[in-house]
Amino acid sequence: MKSSCLLAGCALLGLSLAACGSGSIPDPGTRTEDAQIVDLDNLLITVNGRVELLPEASRLLSAQGQPPPALAGLPLVIEEPLRVGVSDPSATFGVGTLFEDGGFSISDIPVRDVHLSLAASLEHEGFVRASTIVFDTAFTGSRPRTDVIDARVWALPVAFHEALTRAVGPEALRVHTEGRAQTLVEAGFVLGRVVDETGKPMAGARVRLDRGELADRIYYPSEDLAHAGQGGTSAHGLFLYVHSGADAETFRVGLHGTETYVWRNAGATPGRGLVITLFPGTYAP
């Protein structure tokens, strides 16, 4: 999907959100009887949570005898991934610094320009540039109306990205990118985790996209990250979408064989990754 199409999609979504009326739909986790009407055009919220290494990345580093990279003091950006993908200069909503324990709290985030989602992005030496979705309009059809609290953001060390690149393999990357990229981050990628209602990774899950022509770009890394197939998730529940290394694409992600996993907004653009967790229902475990 070309950049012009993405921008058109933003405009259409913006119209549909505006039609809902200010604060007409509560966020996930908000009791409807307690929801208050707010002015979405002027609302500022706080996003807080914690950044951690993806568990599979921690295990890989440990197996390689590498210490986990430090997170304290690193900058964290709150942004709209869709708008980053089309190089929108207004895609960044706020910047903060990680606490000693990896926690963060970034305030004064304007919600008026959110189209599909909010994400927290970490970019620093030793890590691959990647964003984690912390709010998705797929659940509500509305922009955030309250603070985003206890968000979990996953950091991807370079060594983990290198392992995933090897698992997918140079031939698959060459085919999917028409020779434009030799690594996942050069191509652009989505890294997903499928979990059950308790938050436990789910083996045997098969991801589906709402755009069938992109289905062959889904891969499932093996439990030891030595290779990647296209049959279903291993015990860690991970899947990968390999982008083309060209214009940004947007799509929705769900699971085959179940309606309990809500369709989620996702997208990919060269030079960065997007991390998303798929869980049943509308409340993160």
C-alpha atoms as a PDB file:
ATOM      1  CA  MET A   1       0.000   0.000   0.000  1.00  0.00           C
ATOM      2  CA  LYS A   2       1.529   3.290  -1.037  1.00  0.00           C
ATOM      3  CA  SER A   3       2.002   6.264   1.270  1.00  0.00           C
ATOM      4  CA  SER A   4      -0.886   8.141  -0.327  1.00  0.00           C
ATOM      5  CA  CYS A   5      -3.190   5.227   0.440  1.00  0.00           C
ATOM      6  CA  LEU A   6      -1.992   5.170   4.040  1.00  0.00           C
ATOM      7  CA  LEU A   7      -2.725   8.855   4.438  1.00  0.00           C
ATOM      8  CA  ALA A   8      -6.149   8.395   2.909  1.00  0.00           C
ATOM      9  CA  GLY A   9      -6.774   5.613   5.391  1.00  0.00           C
ATOM     10  CA  CYS A  10      -5.753   7.933   8.214  1.00  0.00           C
ATOM     11  CA  ALA A  11      -8.239  10.535   7.034  1.00  0.00           C
ATOM     12  CA  LEU A  12     -11.066   8.030   6.761  1.00  0.00           C
ATOM     13  CA  LEU A  13     -10.337   6.606  10.183  1.00  0.00           C
ATOM     14  CA  GLY A  14     -10.161  10.082  11.636  1.00  0.00           C
ATOM     15  CA  LEU A  15     -13.636  10.796  10.267  1.00  0.00           C
ATOM     16  CA  SER A  16     -15.021   7.568  11.673  1.00  0.00           C
ATOM     17  CA  LEU A  17     -13.529   8.273  15.115  1.00  0.00           C
ATOM     18  CA  ALA A  18     -14.917  11.802  15.093  1.00  0.00           C
ATOM     19  CA  ALA A  19     -18.341  10.430  14.246  1.00  0.00           C
ATOM     20  CA  CYS A  20     -18.284   8.460  17.489  1.00  0.00           C
ATOM     21  CA  GLY A  21     -18.485  11.731  19.427  1.00  0.00           C
ATOM     22  CA  SER A  22     -16.093  12.929  22.105  1.00  0.00           C
ATOM     23  CA  GLY A  23     -15.567  10.174  24.647  1.00  0.00           C
ATOM     24  CA  SER A  24     -18.555   8.123  23.530  1.00  0.00           C
ATOM     25  CA  ILE A  25     -16.723   4.772  23.837  1.00  0.00           C
ATOM     26  CA  PRO A  26     -14.755   3.814  26.976  1.00  0.00           C
ATOM     27  CA  ASP A  27     -11.269   2.360  26.801  1.00  0.00           C
ATOM     28  CA  PRO A  28     -10.588  -1.304  27.616  1.00  0.00           C
ATOM     29  CA  GLY A  29     -10.493  -1.663  31.381  1.00  0.00           C
ATOM     30  CA  THR A  30     -12.793   1.322  31.974  1.00  0.00           C
ATOM     31  CA  ARG A  31     -16.192   0.556  33.476  1.00  0.00           C
ATOM     32  CA  THR A  32     -18.808   2.078  31.210  1.00  0.00           C
ATOM     33  CA  GLU A  33     -20.969   3.302  34.054  1.00  0.00           C
ATOM     34  CA  ASP A  34     -18.018   5.270  35.423  1.00  0.00           C
ATOM     35  CA  ALA A  35     -16.827   6.663  32.072  1.00  0.00           C
ATOM     36  CA  GLN A  36     -16.739  10.425  31.808  1.00  0.00           C
ATOM     37  CA  ILE A  37     -17.189  12.601  28.745  1.00  0.00           C
ATOM     38  CA  VAL A  38     -13.931  14.193  27.637  1.00  0.00           C
ATOM     39  CA  ASP A  39     -12.860  16.586  24.908  1.00  0.00           C
ATOM     40  CA  LEU A  40     -10.730  14.362  22.680  1.00  0.00           C
ATOM     41  CA  ASP A  41      -9.519  17.311  20.626  1.00  0.00           C
ATOM     42  CA  ASN A  42      -7.738  18.794  23.635  1.00  0.00           C
ATOM     43  CA  LEU A  43      -7.151  15.753  25.844  1.00  0.00           C
ATOM     44  CA  LEU A  44      -3.621  15.082  27.128  1.00  0.00           C
ATOM     45  CA  ILE A  45      -2.841  11.719  28.703  1.00  0.00           C
ATOM     46  CA  THR A  46       0.043   9.990  30.454  1.00  0.00           C
ATOM     47  CA  VAL A  47       1.561   6.726  29.243  1.00  0.00           C
ATOM     48  CA  ASN A  48       3.409   4.722  31.870  1.00  0.00           C
ATOM     49  CA  GLY A  49       4.750   1.218  32.157  1.00  0.00           C
ATOM     50  CA  ARG A  50       7.945  -0.755  31.991  1.00  0.00           C
ATOM     51  CA  VAL A  51      10.459  -1.749  29.310  1.00  0.00           C
ATOM     52  CA  GLU A  52      11.884  -5.265  29.493  1.00  0.00           C
ATOM     53  CA  LEU A  53      13.898  -7.549  27.249  1.00  0.00           C
ATOM     54  CA  LEU A  54      11.672  -9.968  25.371  1.00  0.00           C
ATOM     55  CA  PRO A  55      11.891 -13.235  27.379  1.00  0.00           C
ATOM     56  CA  GLU A  56      13.164 -15.182  24.365  1.00  0.00           C
ATOM     57  CA  ALA A  57      15.850 -12.537  23.853  1.00  0.00           C
ATOM     58  CA  SER A  58      16.939 -12.848  27.490  1.00  0.00           C
ATOM     59  CA  ARG A  59      17.237 -16.623  27.131  1.00  0.00           C
ATOM     60  CA  LEU A  60      19.276 -16.254  23.938  1.00  0.00           C
ATOM     61  CA  LEU A  61      21.719 -13.816  25.534  1.00  0.00           C
ATOM     62  CA  SER A  62      22.077 -16.086  28.556  1.00  0.00           C
ATOM     63  CA  ALA A  63      22.780 -19.097  26.324  1.00  0.00           C
ATOM     64  CA  GLN A  64      25.445 -17.077  24.503  1.00  0.00           C
ATOM     65  CA  GLY A  65      27.019 -15.955  27.761  1.00  0.00           C
ATOM     66  CA  GLN A  66      26.191 -12.315  27.091  1.00  0.00           C
ATOM     67  CA  PRO A  67      25.013  -9.972  29.854  1.00  0.00           C
ATOM     68  CA  PRO A  68      21.689  -8.243  29.233  1.00  0.00           C
ATOM     69  CA  PRO A  69      22.142  -4.671  27.966  1.00  0.00           C
ATOM     70  CA  ALA A  70      21.289  -1.955  30.462  1.00  0.00           C
ATOM     71  CA  LEU A  71      18.016  -0.092  30.036  1.00  0.00           C
ATOM     72  CA  ALA A  72      18.273   2.616  32.698  1.00  0.00           C
ATOM     73  CA  GLY A  73      18.534   6.131  31.303  1.00  0.00           C
ATOM     74  CA  LEU A  74      17.685   5.214  27.712  1.00  0.00           C
ATOM     75  CA  PRO A  75      15.286   7.495  25.796  1.00  0.00           C
ATOM     76  CA  LEU A  76      11.780   6.234  25.000  1.00  0.00           C
ATOM     77  CA  VAL A  77       9.464   7.773  22.389  1.00  0.00           C
ATOM     78  CA  ILE A  78       5.662   7.660  22.313  1.00  0.00           C
ATOM     79  CA  GLU A  79       4.541   7.697  18.695  1.00  0.00           C
ATOM     80  CA  GLU A  80       1.962   6.674  16.079  1.00  0.00           C
ATOM     81  CA  PRO A  81       3.519   3.803  14.072  1.00  0.00           C
ATOM     82  CA  LEU A  82       1.295   4.410  11.036  1.00  0.00           C
ATOM     83  CA  ARG A  83       2.415   8.018  10.799  1.00  0.00           C
ATOM     84  CA  VAL A  84       6.063   7.072  11.346  1.00  0.00           C
ATOM     85  CA  GLY A  85       5.699   4.759   8.353  1.00  0.00           C
ATOM     86  CA  VAL A  86       4.792   7.661   6.064  1.00  0.00           C
ATOM     87  CA  SER A  87       7.485   9.958   7.529  1.00  0.00           C
ATOM     88  CA  ASP A  88       4.946  12.271   9.147  1.00  0.00           C
ATOM     89  CA  PRO A  89       6.924  14.893  11.141  1.00  0.00           C
ATOM     90  CA  SER A  90       4.116  14.964  13.732  1.00  0.00           C
ATOM     91  CA  ALA A  91       4.288  11.214  14.430  1.00  0.00           C
ATOM     92  CA  THR A  92       6.092  11.702  17.770  1.00  0.00           C
ATOM     93  CA  PHE A  93       3.852  12.666  20.712  1.00  0.00           C
ATOM     94  CA  GLY A  94       6.266  12.574  23.637  1.00  0.00           C
ATOM     95  CA  VAL A  95       9.742  11.579  24.825  1.00  0.00           C
ATOM     96  CA  GLY A  96      10.950  10.365  28.200  1.00  0.00           C
ATOM     97  CA  THR A  97      13.801   8.521  29.915  1.00  0.00           C
ATOM     98  CA  LEU A  98      13.739   5.052  31.462  1.00  0.00           C
ATOM     99  CA  PHE A  99      14.084   4.751  35.237  1.00  0.00           C
ATOM    100  CA  GLU A 100      16.615   2.462  36.922  1.00  0.00           C
ATOM    101  CA  ASP A 101      14.143  -0.432  36.886  1.00  0.00           C
ATOM    102  CA  GLY A 102      13.135   0.137  33.256  1.00  0.00           C
ATOM    103  CA  GLY A 103       9.956   1.956  34.206  1.00  0.00           C
ATOM    104  CA  PHE A 104       8.741   5.097  32.484  1.00  0.00           C
ATOM    105  CA  SER A 105       6.036   7.744  32.721  1.00  0.00           C
ATOM    106  CA  ILE A 106       5.564  10.184  29.850  1.00  0.00           C
ATOM    107  CA  SER A 107       2.890  12.839  30.234  1.00  0.00           C
ATOM    108  CA  ASP A 108       1.134  15.415  28.065  1.00  0.00           C
ATOM    109  CA  ILE A 109       0.509  13.017  25.173  1.00  0.00           C
ATOM    110  CA  PRO A 110      -2.095  14.597  22.835  1.00  0.00           C
ATOM    111  CA  VAL A 111      -4.645  12.096  21.528  1.00  0.00           C
ATOM    112  CA  ARG A 112      -6.291  14.221  18.838  1.00  0.00           C
ATOM    113  CA  ASP A 113      -3.938  13.007  16.094  1.00  0.00           C
ATOM    114  CA  VAL A 114      -3.972   9.290  16.985  1.00  0.00           C
ATOM    115  CA  HIS A 115      -5.346   7.313  14.020  1.00  0.00           C
ATOM    116  CA  LEU A 116      -4.802   3.608  14.684  1.00  0.00           C
ATOM    117  CA  SER A 117      -2.562   3.124  17.692  1.00  0.00           C
ATOM    118  CA  LEU A 118      -0.001   4.411  20.154  1.00  0.00           C
ATOM    119  CA  ALA A 119       3.369   2.744  20.535  1.00  0.00           C
ATOM    120  CA  ALA A 120       6.483   3.109  22.657  1.00  0.00           C
ATOM    121  CA  SER A 121       9.700   3.072  20.647  1.00  0.00           C
ATOM    122  CA  LEU A 122      13.218   2.303  21.832  1.00  0.00           C
ATOM    123  CA  GLU A 123      16.202   3.136  19.645  1.00  0.00           C
ATOM    124  CA  HIS A 124      19.696   2.895  21.095  1.00  0.00           C
ATOM    125  CA  GLU A 125      23.042   1.213  20.550  1.00  0.00           C
ATOM    126  CA  GLY A 126      22.743  -2.505  21.227  1.00  0.00           C
ATOM    127  CA  PHE A 127      19.044  -2.607  20.344  1.00  0.00           C
ATOM    128  CA  VAL A 128      17.127  -2.840  17.088  1.00  0.00           C
ATOM    129  CA  ARG A 129      14.833   0.101  16.421  1.00  0.00           C
ATOM    130  CA  ALA A 130      11.414  -1.283  17.344  1.00  0.00           C
ATOM    131  CA  SER A 131       8.064  -0.050  18.652  1.00  0.00           C
ATOM    132  CA  THR A 132       5.631  -1.898  20.914  1.00  0.00           C
ATOM    133  CA  ILE A 133       1.902  -1.214  20.584  1.00  0.00           C
ATOM    134  CA  VAL A 134       0.521   0.116  23.896  1.00  0.00           C
ATOM    135  CA  PHE A 135      -2.945   1.227  22.690  1.00  0.00           C
ATOM    136  CA  ASP A 136      -4.936  -0.060  19.705  1.00  0.00           C
ATOM    137  CA  THR A 137      -8.169   1.529  18.451  1.00  0.00           C
ATOM    138  CA  ALA A 138      -9.205  -1.957  17.260  1.00  0.00           C
ATOM    139  CA  PHE A 139     -10.633  -2.577  20.727  1.00  0.00           C
ATOM    140  CA  THR A 140     -12.784   0.541  21.006  1.00  0.00           C
ATOM    141  CA  GLY A 141     -13.051   2.327  17.668  1.00  0.00           C
ATOM    142  CA  SER A 142     -11.953   5.417  19.577  1.00  0.00           C
ATOM    143  CA  ARG A 143      -8.814   7.275  20.558  1.00  0.00           C
ATOM    144  CA  PRO A 144      -7.590   6.904  24.163  1.00  0.00           C
ATOM    145  CA  ARG A 145      -9.834   8.672  26.696  1.00  0.00           C
ATOM    146  CA  THR A 146      -7.807   7.863  29.816  1.00  0.00           C
ATOM    147  CA  ASP A 147      -4.167   7.382  30.774  1.00  0.00           C
ATOM    148  CA  VAL A 148      -2.424   4.263  29.464  1.00  0.00           C
ATOM    149  CA  ILE A 149      -1.065   2.518  32.563  1.00  0.00           C
ATOM    150  CA  ASP A 150       1.126  -0.532  33.219  1.00  0.00           C
ATOM    151  CA  ALA A 151       2.112  -0.816  29.556  1.00  0.00           C
ATOM    152  CA  ARG A 152       4.646  -3.531  28.796  1.00  0.00           C
ATOM    153  CA  VAL A 153       7.210  -2.604  26.165  1.00  0.00           C
ATOM    154  CA  TRP A 154       9.609  -5.160  24.707  1.00  0.00           C
ATOM    155  CA  ALA A 155      13.220  -4.323  23.892  1.00  0.00           C
ATOM    156  CA  LEU A 156      14.930  -6.320  21.122  1.00  0.00           C
ATOM    157  CA  PRO A 157      18.723  -6.663  21.456  1.00  0.00           C
ATOM    158  CA  VAL A 158      20.738  -6.751  18.244  1.00  0.00           C
ATOM    159  CA  ALA A 159      21.845 -10.335  18.949  1.00  0.00           C
ATOM    160  CA  PHE A 160      18.204 -11.460  19.061  1.00  0.00           C
ATOM    161  CA  HIS A 161      17.433  -9.702  15.797  1.00  0.00           C
ATOM    162  CA  GLU A 162      20.443 -11.392  14.204  1.00  0.00           C
ATOM    163  CA  ALA A 163      19.152 -14.796  15.358  1.00  0.00           C
ATOM    164  CA  LEU A 164      15.715 -14.125  13.873  1.00  0.00           C
ATOM    165  CA  THR A 165      17.301 -12.981  10.600  1.00  0.00           C
ATOM    166  CA  ARG A 166      19.272 -16.231  10.383  1.00  0.00           C
ATOM    167  CA  ALA A 167      16.131 -18.229  11.192  1.00  0.00           C
ATOM    168  CA  VAL A 168      14.185 -16.703   8.295  1.00  0.00           C
ATOM    169  CA  GLY A 169      17.216 -17.096   6.046  1.00  0.00           C
ATOM    170  CA  PRO A 170      18.844 -15.045   3.279  1.00  0.00           C
ATOM    171  CA  GLU A 171      16.867 -16.654   0.464  1.00  0.00           C
ATOM    172  CA  ALA A 172      13.470 -15.773   1.960  1.00  0.00           C
ATOM    173  CA  LEU A 173      14.636 -12.214   2.632  1.00  0.00           C
ATOM    174  CA  ARG A 174      15.913 -11.896  -0.929  1.00  0.00           C
ATOM    175  CA  VAL A 175      12.613 -13.107  -2.375  1.00  0.00           C
ATOM    176  CA  HIS A 176      10.356 -11.006  -0.158  1.00  0.00           C
ATOM    177  CA  THR A 177      12.382  -7.821  -0.642  1.00  0.00           C
ATOM    178  CA  GLU A 178      13.469  -8.379  -4.252  1.00  0.00           C
ATOM    179  CA  GLY A 179      17.052  -8.080  -3.064  1.00  0.00           C
ATOM    180  CA  ARG A 180      16.527  -4.798  -1.189  1.00  0.00           C
ATOM    181  CA  ALA A 181      17.336  -6.143   2.282  1.00  0.00           C
ATOM    182  CA  GLN A 182      19.616  -8.659   3.945  1.00  0.00           C
ATOM    183  CA  THR A 183      18.254  -8.346   7.486  1.00  0.00           C
ATOM    184  CA  LEU A 184      14.809  -8.165   9.034  1.00  0.00           C
ATOM    185  CA  VAL A 185      15.208  -4.575  10.144  1.00  0.00           C
ATOM    186  CA  GLU A 186      16.334  -3.507   6.669  1.00  0.00           C
ATOM    187  CA  ALA A 187      13.215  -5.152   5.263  1.00  0.00           C
ATOM    188  CA  GLY A 188      10.938  -3.995   8.074  1.00  0.00           C
ATOM    189  CA  PHE A 189       9.168  -6.563  10.238  1.00  0.00           C
ATOM    190  CA  VAL A 190       6.439  -7.312  12.733  1.00  0.00           C
ATOM    191  CA  LEU A 191       7.308  -9.565  15.665  1.00  0.00           C
ATOM    192  CA  GLY A 192       4.268 -10.987  17.400  1.00  0.00           C
ATOM    193  CA  ARG A 193       3.587 -13.087  20.482  1.00  0.00           C
ATOM    194  CA  VAL A 194       0.427 -15.173  20.761  1.00  0.00           C
ATOM    195  CA  VAL A 195      -0.657 -15.762  24.361  1.00  0.00           C
ATOM    196  CA  ASP A 196      -3.687 -17.307  26.050  1.00  0.00           C
ATOM    197  CA  GLU A 197      -6.022 -15.731  28.613  1.00  0.00           C
ATOM    198  CA  THR A 198      -3.406 -16.204  31.358  1.00  0.00           C
ATOM    199  CA  GLY A 199      -0.604 -14.617  29.316  1.00  0.00           C
ATOM    200  CA  LYS A 200       1.101 -17.948  28.618  1.00  0.00           C
ATOM    201  CA  PRO A 201       2.627 -18.258  25.112  1.00  0.00           C
ATOM    202  CA  MET A 202       0.518 -20.453  22.857  1.00  0.00           C
ATOM    203  CA  ALA A 203       1.985 -23.176  20.642  1.00  0.00           C
ATOM    204  CA  GLY A 204       0.327 -24.266  17.399  1.00  0.00           C
ATOM    205  CA  ALA A 205      -1.359 -20.914  16.663  1.00  0.00           C
ATOM    206  CA  ARG A 206      -1.633 -19.798  13.055  1.00  0.00           C
ATOM    207  CA  VAL A 207      -1.804 -16.090  12.244  1.00  0.00           C
ATOM    208  CA  ARG A 208      -4.093 -14.706   9.554  1.00  0.00           C
ATOM    209  CA  LEU A 209      -3.984 -11.332   7.833  1.00  0.00           C
ATOM    210  CA  ASP A 210      -6.909  -9.428   6.343  1.00  0.00           C
ATOM    211  CA  ARG A 211      -4.846  -9.065   3.154  1.00  0.00           C
ATOM    212  CA  GLY A 212      -4.448 -12.510   1.648  1.00  0.00           C
ATOM    213  CA  GLU A 213      -1.703 -11.451  -0.752  1.00  0.00           C
ATOM    214  CA  LEU A 214       0.611 -10.944   2.239  1.00  0.00           C
ATOM    215  CA  ALA A 215      -0.015 -14.321   3.884  1.00  0.00           C
ATOM    216  CA  ASP A 216       3.210 -15.919   2.613  1.00  0.00           C
ATOM    217  CA  ARG A 217       5.242 -13.355   4.558  1.00  0.00           C
ATOM    218  CA  ILE A 218       4.341 -14.957   7.931  1.00  0.00           C
ATOM    219  CA  TYR A 219       7.024 -17.134   9.579  1.00  0.00           C
ATOM    220  CA  TYR A 220       7.165 -18.995  12.878  1.00  0.00           C
ATOM    221  CA  PRO A 221      10.619 -19.238  14.538  1.00  0.00           C
ATOM    222  CA  SER A 222      11.471 -22.597  16.074  1.00  0.00           C
ATOM    223  CA  GLU A 223      11.804 -22.836  19.833  1.00  0.00           C
ATOM    224  CA  ASP A 224      15.613 -22.680  19.597  1.00  0.00           C
ATOM    225  CA  LEU A 225      15.455 -19.906  16.940  1.00  0.00           C
ATOM    226  CA  ALA A 226      17.553 -22.072  14.623  1.00  0.00           C
ATOM    227  CA  HIS A 227      15.061 -21.915  11.753  1.00  0.00           C
ATOM    228  CA  ALA A 228      11.614 -20.592  10.862  1.00  0.00           C
ATOM    229  CA  GLY A 229       8.741 -22.410   9.170  1.00  0.00           C
ATOM    230  CA  GLN A 230       5.232 -21.514   8.128  1.00  0.00           C
ATOM    231  CA  GLY A 231       3.181 -24.123   9.985  1.00  0.00           C
ATOM    232  CA  GLY A 232       2.403 -22.493  13.342  1.00  0.00           C
ATOM    233  CA  THR A 233       3.863 -21.067  16.539  1.00  0.00           C
ATOM    234  CA  SER A 234       6.352 -22.971  18.688  1.00  0.00           C
ATOM    235  CA  ALA A 235       6.196 -23.108  22.493  1.00  0.00           C
ATOM    236  CA  HIS A 236       7.232 -19.431  22.754  1.00  0.00           C
ATOM    237  CA  GLY A 237       4.241 -18.292  20.634  1.00  0.00           C
ATOM    238  CA  LEU A 238       6.332 -16.090  18.324  1.00  0.00           C
ATOM    239  CA  PHE A 239       5.600 -15.177  14.728  1.00  0.00           C
ATOM    240  CA  LEU A 240       7.238 -12.841  12.203  1.00  0.00           C
ATOM    241  CA  TYR A 241       5.909 -10.793   9.327  1.00  0.00           C
ATOM    242  CA  VAL A 242       8.658  -9.997   6.790  1.00  0.00           C
ATOM    243  CA  HIS A 243       8.096  -6.717   4.945  1.00  0.00           C
ATOM    244  CA  SER A 244       9.191  -5.868   1.401  1.00  0.00           C
ATOM    245  CA  GLY A 245      11.830  -3.251   2.190  1.00  0.00           C
ATOM    246  CA  ALA A 246       9.761  -0.799   0.129  1.00  0.00           C
ATOM    247  CA  ASP A 247       6.709   1.397   0.848  1.00  0.00           C
ATOM    248  CA  ALA A 248       4.919   1.053   4.186  1.00  0.00           C
ATOM    249  CA  GLU A 249       2.065  -1.455   4.416  1.00  0.00           C
ATOM    250  CA  THR A 250      -0.857  -1.612   6.840  1.00  0.00           C
ATOM    251  CA  PHE A 251      -2.997  -4.641   7.596  1.00  0.00           C
ATOM    252  CA  ARG A 252      -4.904  -6.348  10.385  1.00  0.00           C
ATOM    253  CA  VAL A 253      -3.794  -9.452  12.266  1.00  0.00           C
ATOM    254  CA  GLY A 254      -5.913 -12.208  13.793  1.00  0.00           C
ATOM    255  CA  LEU A 255      -5.806 -15.959  14.400  1.00  0.00           C
ATOM    256  CA  HIS A 256      -7.149 -18.837  12.338  1.00  0.00           C
ATOM    257  CA  GLY A 257      -9.848 -20.961  13.919  1.00  0.00           C
ATOM    258  CA  THR A 258     -11.032 -18.598  16.638  1.00  0.00           C
ATOM    259  CA  GLU A 259     -13.076 -15.445  16.979  1.00  0.00           C
ATOM    260  CA  THR A 260     -11.936 -14.674  20.527  1.00  0.00           C
ATOM    261  CA  TYR A 261      -8.817 -12.873  19.277  1.00  0.00           C
ATOM    262  CA  VAL A 262      -9.859  -9.412  18.077  1.00  0.00           C
ATOM    263  CA  TRP A 263      -8.465  -8.276  14.729  1.00  0.00           C
ATOM    264  CA  ARG A 264      -5.493  -6.020  15.539  1.00  0.00           C
ATOM    265  CA  ASN A 265      -4.008  -3.108  13.614  1.00  0.00           C
ATOM    266  CA  ALA A 266      -0.444  -3.563  12.392  1.00  0.00           C
ATOM    267  CA  GLY A 267       1.921  -2.321   9.731  1.00  0.00           C
ATOM    268  CA  ALA A 268       5.500  -2.489   8.557  1.00  0.00           C
ATOM    269  CA  THR A 269       8.037  -0.072   7.155  1.00  0.00           C
ATOM    270  CA  PRO A 270      11.736  -0.474   6.258  1.00  0.00           C
ATOM    271  CA  GLY A 271      14.310   0.239   8.944  1.00  0.00           C
ATOM    272  CA  ARG A 272      12.273  -0.721  11.998  1.00  0.00           C
ATOM    273  CA  GLY A 273      10.234  -3.402  13.690  1.00  0.00           C
ATOM    274  CA  LEU A 274       6.817  -3.453  15.352  1.00  0.00           C
ATOM    275  CA  VAL A 275       6.084  -5.683  18.360  1.00  0.00           C
ATOM    276  CA  ILE A 276       2.535  -6.811  19.072  1.00  0.00           C
ATOM    277  CA  THR A 277       0.966  -9.274  21.515  1.00  0.00           C
ATOM    278  CA  LEU A 278      -2.174 -11.144  20.464  1.00  0.00           C
ATOM    279  CA  PHE A 279      -4.439 -12.196  23.339  1.00  0.00           C
ATOM    280  CA  PRO A 280      -8.091 -13.301  23.575  1.00  0.00           C
ATOM    281  CA  GLY A 281     -10.763 -10.740  24.391  1.00  0.00           C
ATOM    282  CA  THR A 282     -10.098  -7.041  24.925  1.00  0.00           C
ATOM    283  CA  TYR A 283      -8.235  -7.125  28.250  1.00  0.00           C
ATOM    284  CA  ALA A 284      -4.509  -7.839  28.222  1.00  0.00           C
ATOM    285  CA  PRO A 285      -3.661 -10.717  30.621  1.00  0.00           C
END
